[in-house]
């Protein structure tokens, strides 16, 4: 996504409806890669596919008429949209089953000593909501890394901090999430 996409993002923010149609071909592969990175960690048989996630996120983004500054800002907003869509999907599945079963995901971005962990997506959302009350920047860091697939450098740019700060926060937040999600699984 280069300068042309940034120009289209600015035009969309100014209300140019045609810009949304021009933008999709330029950003589709990047959005599909973001969705694919997340969906790769889903259990077999997950009913929401990466293409559907991209389509829903894109529709949500163009409906929001956001004022995107650049590619990194757009990716950050996309991560938020994907997170919300996935949470709604997980909560809907849980409600439909009415069995109280957890919607589990396997993620490698919270590697512990044993490797990738399996998490309940709804429990992760609850933990992120709690983390946002304690430290909004760290909650945003998790969202950008996990849902947005962004690097520490990209996250630092979006958050307006140094890469070193992101790395320190990531170590802290991984430990906090590990404890929080372990407590959640015992309940």
C-alpha atoms as a PDB file:
ATOM      1  CA  UNK A   1       0.000   0.000   0.000  1.00  0.00           C
ATOM      2  CA  UNK A   2       1.842   3.051  -1.167  1.00  0.00           C
ATOM      3  CA  UNK A   3       1.241   6.739  -1.629  1.00  0.00           C
ATOM      4  CA  UNK A   4      -1.728   6.136  -3.912  1.00  0.00           C
ATOM      5  CA  UNK A   5      -3.528   4.192  -1.178  1.00  0.00           C
ATOM      6  CA  UNK A   6      -2.737   6.914   1.349  1.00  0.00           C
ATOM      7  CA  UNK A   7      -4.262   9.488  -1.001  1.00  0.00           C
ATOM      8  CA  UNK A   8      -7.375   7.326  -1.361  1.00  0.00           C
ATOM      9  CA  UNK A   9      -7.612   6.953   2.423  1.00  0.00           C
ATOM     10  CA  UNK A  10      -7.515  10.723   2.804  1.00  0.00           C
ATOM     11  CA  UNK A  11     -10.182  11.127   0.102  1.00  0.00           C
ATOM     12  CA  UNK A  12     -12.370   8.544   1.852  1.00  0.00           C
ATOM     13  CA  UNK A  13     -11.978  10.442   5.106  1.00  0.00           C
ATOM     14  CA  UNK A  14     -13.183  13.551   3.291  1.00  0.00           C
ATOM     15  CA  UNK A  15     -16.322  11.691   2.197  1.00  0.00           C
ATOM     16  CA  UNK A  16     -15.330  10.686  -1.360  1.00  0.00           C
ATOM     17  CA  UNK A  17     -17.457   7.561  -1.948  1.00  0.00           C
ATOM     18  CA  UNK A  18     -15.630   6.654  -5.174  1.00  0.00           C
ATOM     19  CA  UNK A  19     -12.326   6.406  -3.297  1.00  0.00           C
ATOM     20  CA  UNK A  20     -13.577   3.343  -1.385  1.00  0.00           C
ATOM     21  CA  UNK A  21     -14.076   1.430  -4.620  1.00  0.00           C
ATOM     22  CA  UNK A  22     -10.636   2.443  -5.864  1.00  0.00           C
ATOM     23  CA  UNK A  23      -8.987   1.516  -2.569  1.00  0.00           C
ATOM     24  CA  UNK A  24     -10.179  -2.074  -2.256  1.00  0.00           C
ATOM     25  CA  UNK A  25      -8.059  -3.516  -5.094  1.00  0.00           C
ATOM     26  CA  UNK A  26      -4.992  -1.782  -3.642  1.00  0.00           C
ATOM     27  CA  UNK A  27      -5.407  -3.039  -0.071  1.00  0.00           C
ATOM     28  CA  UNK A  28      -7.265  -6.322  -0.543  1.00  0.00           C
ATOM     29  CA  UNK A  29      -4.184  -8.564  -0.489  1.00  0.00           C
ATOM     30  CA  UNK A  30      -2.803  -6.843   2.612  1.00  0.00           C
ATOM     31  CA  UNK A  31      -6.139  -7.191   4.418  1.00  0.00           C
ATOM     32  CA  UNK A  32      -6.422 -10.809   3.271  1.00  0.00           C
ATOM     33  CA  UNK A  33      -2.925 -11.489   4.636  1.00  0.00           C
ATOM     34  CA  UNK A  34      -3.866  -9.938   8.005  1.00  0.00           C
ATOM     35  CA  UNK A  35      -7.026 -12.061   8.166  1.00  0.00           C
ATOM     36  CA  UNK A  36      -5.147 -15.150   6.995  1.00  0.00           C
ATOM     37  CA  UNK A  37      -2.506 -14.706   9.692  1.00  0.00           C
ATOM     38  CA  UNK A  38      -5.158 -14.682  12.347  1.00  0.00           C
ATOM     39  CA  UNK A  39      -7.388 -17.363  10.847  1.00  0.00           C
ATOM     40  CA  UNK A  40      -4.428 -19.736  10.398  1.00  0.00           C
ATOM     41  CA  UNK A  41      -4.519 -20.142  14.177  1.00  0.00           C
ATOM     42  CA  UNK A  42      -8.195 -21.012  14.303  1.00  0.00           C
ATOM     43  CA  UNK A  43      -9.338 -24.574  14.968  1.00  0.00           C
ATOM     44  CA  UNK A  44     -10.347 -26.703  11.986  1.00  0.00           C
ATOM     45  CA  UNK A  45     -13.917 -26.119  10.900  1.00  0.00           C
ATOM     46  CA  UNK A  46     -14.058 -22.463  11.935  1.00  0.00           C
ATOM     47  CA  UNK A  47     -17.117 -21.012  10.229  1.00  0.00           C
ATOM     48  CA  UNK A  48     -15.695 -17.545   9.556  1.00  0.00           C
ATOM     49  CA  UNK A  49     -13.270 -17.560   6.629  1.00  0.00           C
ATOM     50  CA  UNK A  50     -10.524 -14.983   5.951  1.00  0.00           C
ATOM     51  CA  UNK A  51     -12.342 -13.635   2.885  1.00  0.00           C
ATOM     52  CA  UNK A  52     -15.504 -13.062   4.911  1.00  0.00           C
ATOM     53  CA  UNK A  53     -13.478 -11.400   7.659  1.00  0.00           C
ATOM     54  CA  UNK A  54     -11.855  -9.067   5.111  1.00  0.00           C
ATOM     55  CA  UNK A  55     -15.192  -8.215   3.533  1.00  0.00           C
ATOM     56  CA  UNK A  56     -16.857  -7.473   6.868  1.00  0.00           C
ATOM     57  CA  UNK A  57     -13.894  -5.436   8.100  1.00  0.00           C
ATOM     58  CA  UNK A  58     -13.711  -3.439   4.873  1.00  0.00           C
ATOM     59  CA  UNK A  59     -17.437  -2.679   4.935  1.00  0.00           C
ATOM     60  CA  UNK A  60     -17.107  -1.576   8.539  1.00  0.00           C
ATOM     61  CA  UNK A  61     -14.135   0.654   7.664  1.00  0.00           C
ATOM     62  CA  UNK A  62     -15.767   2.410   4.740  1.00  0.00           C
ATOM     63  CA  UNK A  63     -18.958   2.922   6.729  1.00  0.00           C
ATOM     64  CA  UNK A  64     -16.995   4.608   9.514  1.00  0.00           C
ATOM     65  CA  UNK A  65     -15.730   7.425   7.269  1.00  0.00           C
ATOM     66  CA  UNK A  66     -12.523   7.490   9.297  1.00  0.00           C
ATOM     67  CA  UNK A  67      -9.778  10.022   8.833  1.00  0.00           C
ATOM     68  CA  UNK A  68      -6.844   7.723   8.196  1.00  0.00           C
ATOM     69  CA  UNK A  69      -3.459   9.387   8.312  1.00  0.00           C
ATOM     70  CA  UNK A  70      -1.394   6.680   6.609  1.00  0.00           C
ATOM     71  CA  UNK A  71      -0.963   2.949   6.047  1.00  0.00           C
ATOM     72  CA  UNK A  72      -0.077   2.230   9.672  1.00  0.00           C
ATOM     73  CA  UNK A  73      -3.140   4.050  10.943  1.00  0.00           C
ATOM     74  CA  UNK A  74      -5.339   2.201   8.458  1.00  0.00           C
ATOM     75  CA  UNK A  75      -3.850  -1.153   9.580  1.00  0.00           C
ATOM     76  CA  UNK A  76      -4.490  -0.233  13.211  1.00  0.00           C
ATOM     77  CA  UNK A  77      -8.132   0.593  12.468  1.00  0.00           C
ATOM     78  CA  UNK A  78      -8.419  -2.632  10.466  1.00  0.00           C
ATOM     79  CA  UNK A  79      -7.069  -4.633  13.417  1.00  0.00           C
ATOM     80  CA  UNK A  80      -9.737  -3.111  15.638  1.00  0.00           C
ATOM     81  CA  UNK A  81     -12.465  -3.892  13.111  1.00  0.00           C
ATOM     82  CA  UNK A  82     -11.286  -7.505  12.744  1.00  0.00           C
ATOM     83  CA  UNK A  83     -11.127  -7.895  16.506  1.00  0.00           C
ATOM     84  CA  UNK A  84     -14.703  -6.657  16.886  1.00  0.00           C
ATOM     85  CA  UNK A  85     -15.975  -8.907  14.109  1.00  0.00           C
ATOM     86  CA  UNK A  86     -14.232 -11.967  15.542  1.00  0.00           C
ATOM     87  CA  UNK A  87     -15.530 -11.214  19.022  1.00  0.00           C
ATOM     88  CA  UNK A  88     -19.090 -10.826  17.778  1.00  0.00           C
ATOM     89  CA  UNK A  89     -18.739 -14.062  15.851  1.00  0.00           C
ATOM     90  CA  UNK A  90     -17.374 -15.948  18.878  1.00  0.00           C
ATOM     91  CA  UNK A  91     -20.043 -14.573  21.202  1.00  0.00           C
ATOM     92  CA  UNK A  92     -22.743 -15.416  18.648  1.00  0.00           C
ATOM     93  CA  UNK A  93     -21.524 -18.993  18.338  1.00  0.00           C
ATOM     94  CA  UNK A  94     -21.431 -19.350  22.107  1.00  0.00           C
ATOM     95  CA  UNK A  95     -24.940 -17.952  22.472  1.00  0.00           C
ATOM     96  CA  UNK A  96     -26.265 -20.138  19.662  1.00  0.00           C
ATOM     97  CA  UNK A  97     -24.903 -23.269  21.264  1.00  0.00           C
ATOM     98  CA  UNK A  98     -26.259 -22.256  24.677  1.00  0.00           C
ATOM     99  CA  UNK A  99     -23.909 -24.842  26.066  1.00  0.00           C
ATOM    100  CA  UNK A 100     -21.390 -22.485  27.597  1.00  0.00           C
ATOM    101  CA  UNK A 101     -18.627 -24.063  25.533  1.00  0.00           C
ATOM    102  CA  UNK A 102     -15.605 -21.916  24.932  1.00  0.00           C
ATOM    103  CA  UNK A 103     -14.575 -20.824  21.461  1.00  0.00           C
ATOM    104  CA  UNK A 104     -10.897 -21.732  21.507  1.00  0.00           C
ATOM    105  CA  UNK A 105      -8.103 -20.476  19.317  1.00  0.00           C
ATOM    106  CA  UNK A 106      -4.481 -21.502  19.084  1.00  0.00           C
ATOM    107  CA  UNK A 107      -2.092 -18.599  18.980  1.00  0.00           C
ATOM    108  CA  UNK A 108       1.648 -18.446  18.764  1.00  0.00           C
ATOM    109  CA  UNK A 109       2.050 -14.786  19.588  1.00  0.00           C
ATOM    110  CA  UNK A 110       1.774 -15.545  23.328  1.00  0.00           C
ATOM    111  CA  UNK A 111       4.256 -18.407  23.291  1.00  0.00           C
ATOM    112  CA  UNK A 112       5.000 -19.794  26.673  1.00  0.00           C
ATOM    113  CA  UNK A 113       7.688 -22.333  27.566  1.00  0.00           C
ATOM    114  CA  UNK A 114       5.540 -25.130  26.151  1.00  0.00           C
ATOM    115  CA  UNK A 115       4.935 -23.369  22.796  1.00  0.00           C
ATOM    116  CA  UNK A 116       1.690 -22.119  21.340  1.00  0.00           C
ATOM    117  CA  UNK A 117      -1.231 -21.823  23.719  1.00  0.00           C
ATOM    118  CA  UNK A 118      -4.928 -22.501  23.126  1.00  0.00           C
ATOM    119  CA  UNK A 119      -7.108 -19.628  24.276  1.00  0.00           C
ATOM    120  CA  UNK A 120     -10.775 -18.875  24.525  1.00  0.00           C
ATOM    121  CA  UNK A 121     -11.410 -15.941  22.180  1.00  0.00           C
ATOM    122  CA  UNK A 122     -14.128 -14.531  24.428  1.00  0.00           C
ATOM    123  CA  UNK A 123     -11.824 -14.815  27.459  1.00  0.00           C
ATOM    124  CA  UNK A 124      -9.142 -12.977  25.481  1.00  0.00           C
ATOM    125  CA  UNK A 125     -11.606 -10.186  24.709  1.00  0.00           C
ATOM    126  CA  UNK A 126     -12.611  -9.973  28.374  1.00  0.00           C
ATOM    127  CA  UNK A 127      -8.944  -9.807  29.364  1.00  0.00           C
ATOM    128  CA  UNK A 128      -8.263  -7.065  26.795  1.00  0.00           C
ATOM    129  CA  UNK A 129     -11.204  -5.061  28.087  1.00  0.00           C
ATOM    130  CA  UNK A 130      -9.811  -5.350  31.607  1.00  0.00           C
ATOM    131  CA  UNK A 131      -6.308  -4.469  30.379  1.00  0.00           C
ATOM    132  CA  UNK A 132      -7.656  -1.381  28.608  1.00  0.00           C
ATOM    133  CA  UNK A 133      -8.972  -0.137  31.950  1.00  0.00           C
ATOM    134  CA  UNK A 134      -5.514  -0.638  33.466  1.00  0.00           C
ATOM    135  CA  UNK A 135      -3.320   0.411  30.556  1.00  0.00           C
ATOM    136  CA  UNK A 136      -4.865   1.453  27.239  1.00  0.00           C
ATOM    137  CA  UNK A 137      -1.530   1.492  25.395  1.00  0.00           C
ATOM    138  CA  UNK A 138      -0.762  -2.108  26.339  1.00  0.00           C
ATOM    139  CA  UNK A 139      -4.255  -3.216  25.308  1.00  0.00           C
ATOM    140  CA  UNK A 140      -3.785  -1.469  21.969  1.00  0.00           C
ATOM    141  CA  UNK A 141      -0.387  -3.165  21.611  1.00  0.00           C
ATOM    142  CA  UNK A 142      -1.994  -6.601  21.939  1.00  0.00           C
ATOM    143  CA  UNK A 143      -4.702  -5.663  19.477  1.00  0.00           C
ATOM    144  CA  UNK A 144      -2.209  -4.387  16.901  1.00  0.00           C
ATOM    145  CA  UNK A 145       0.122  -7.344  17.262  1.00  0.00           C
ATOM    146  CA  UNK A 146      -2.419 -10.131  17.550  1.00  0.00           C
ATOM    147  CA  UNK A 147      -5.281  -8.926  15.378  1.00  0.00           C
ATOM    148  CA  UNK A 148      -3.307  -6.606  13.104  1.00  0.00           C
ATOM    149  CA  UNK A 149      -0.206  -8.750  12.713  1.00  0.00           C
ATOM    150  CA  UNK A 150       1.960  -5.653  13.024  1.00  0.00           C
ATOM    151  CA  UNK A 151       5.662  -5.663  13.894  1.00  0.00           C
ATOM    152  CA  UNK A 152       7.090  -3.875  16.937  1.00  0.00           C
ATOM    153  CA  UNK A 153       8.380  -1.090  14.679  1.00  0.00           C
ATOM    154  CA  UNK A 154       4.953  -0.601  13.079  1.00  0.00           C
ATOM    155  CA  UNK A 155       3.259  -0.632  16.482  1.00  0.00           C
ATOM    156  CA  UNK A 156       5.741   1.924  17.800  1.00  0.00           C
ATOM    157  CA  UNK A 157       4.865   4.203  14.876  1.00  0.00           C
ATOM    158  CA  UNK A 158       1.109   3.868  15.469  1.00  0.00           C
ATOM    159  CA  UNK A 159       1.386   4.356  19.231  1.00  0.00           C
ATOM    160  CA  UNK A 160       3.937   7.161  18.977  1.00  0.00           C
ATOM    161  CA  UNK A 161       6.489   5.452  21.220  1.00  0.00           C
ATOM    162  CA  UNK A 162       9.890   3.860  20.706  1.00  0.00           C
ATOM    163  CA  UNK A 163      10.366   0.286  19.586  1.00  0.00           C
ATOM    164  CA  UNK A 164      12.117  -0.366  22.915  1.00  0.00           C
ATOM    165  CA  UNK A 165       8.979   0.769  24.775  1.00  0.00           C
ATOM    166  CA  UNK A 166       6.864  -1.597  22.677  1.00  0.00           C
ATOM    167  CA  UNK A 167       9.248  -4.476  23.420  1.00  0.00           C
ATOM    168  CA  UNK A 168       9.169  -3.769  27.177  1.00  0.00           C
ATOM    169  CA  UNK A 169       5.378  -3.429  27.148  1.00  0.00           C
ATOM    170  CA  UNK A 170       5.064  -6.662  25.150  1.00  0.00           C
ATOM    171  CA  UNK A 171       7.058  -8.609  27.757  1.00  0.00           C
ATOM    172  CA  UNK A 172       4.894  -7.192  30.545  1.00  0.00           C
ATOM    173  CA  UNK A 173       1.597  -7.698  28.774  1.00  0.00           C
ATOM    174  CA  UNK A 174       2.413 -11.283  27.804  1.00  0.00           C
ATOM    175  CA  UNK A 175       3.033 -12.105  31.460  1.00  0.00           C
ATOM    176  CA  UNK A 176      -0.130 -10.283  32.539  1.00  0.00           C
ATOM    177  CA  UNK A 177      -2.248 -12.008  29.886  1.00  0.00           C
ATOM    178  CA  UNK A 178      -0.813 -15.381  30.796  1.00  0.00           C
ATOM    179  CA  UNK A 179      -1.836 -14.886  34.426  1.00  0.00           C
ATOM    180  CA  UNK A 180      -5.219 -13.395  33.540  1.00  0.00           C
ATOM    181  CA  UNK A 181      -6.141 -16.100  31.075  1.00  0.00           C
ATOM    182  CA  UNK A 182      -4.941 -18.834  33.432  1.00  0.00           C
ATOM    183  CA  UNK A 183      -7.255 -17.455  36.128  1.00  0.00           C
ATOM    184  CA  UNK A 184     -10.102 -17.308  33.583  1.00  0.00           C
ATOM    185  CA  UNK A 185      -9.626 -20.959  32.613  1.00  0.00           C
ATOM    186  CA  UNK A 186      -9.824 -22.028  36.279  1.00  0.00           C
ATOM    187  CA  UNK A 187     -13.230 -20.378  36.721  1.00  0.00           C
END
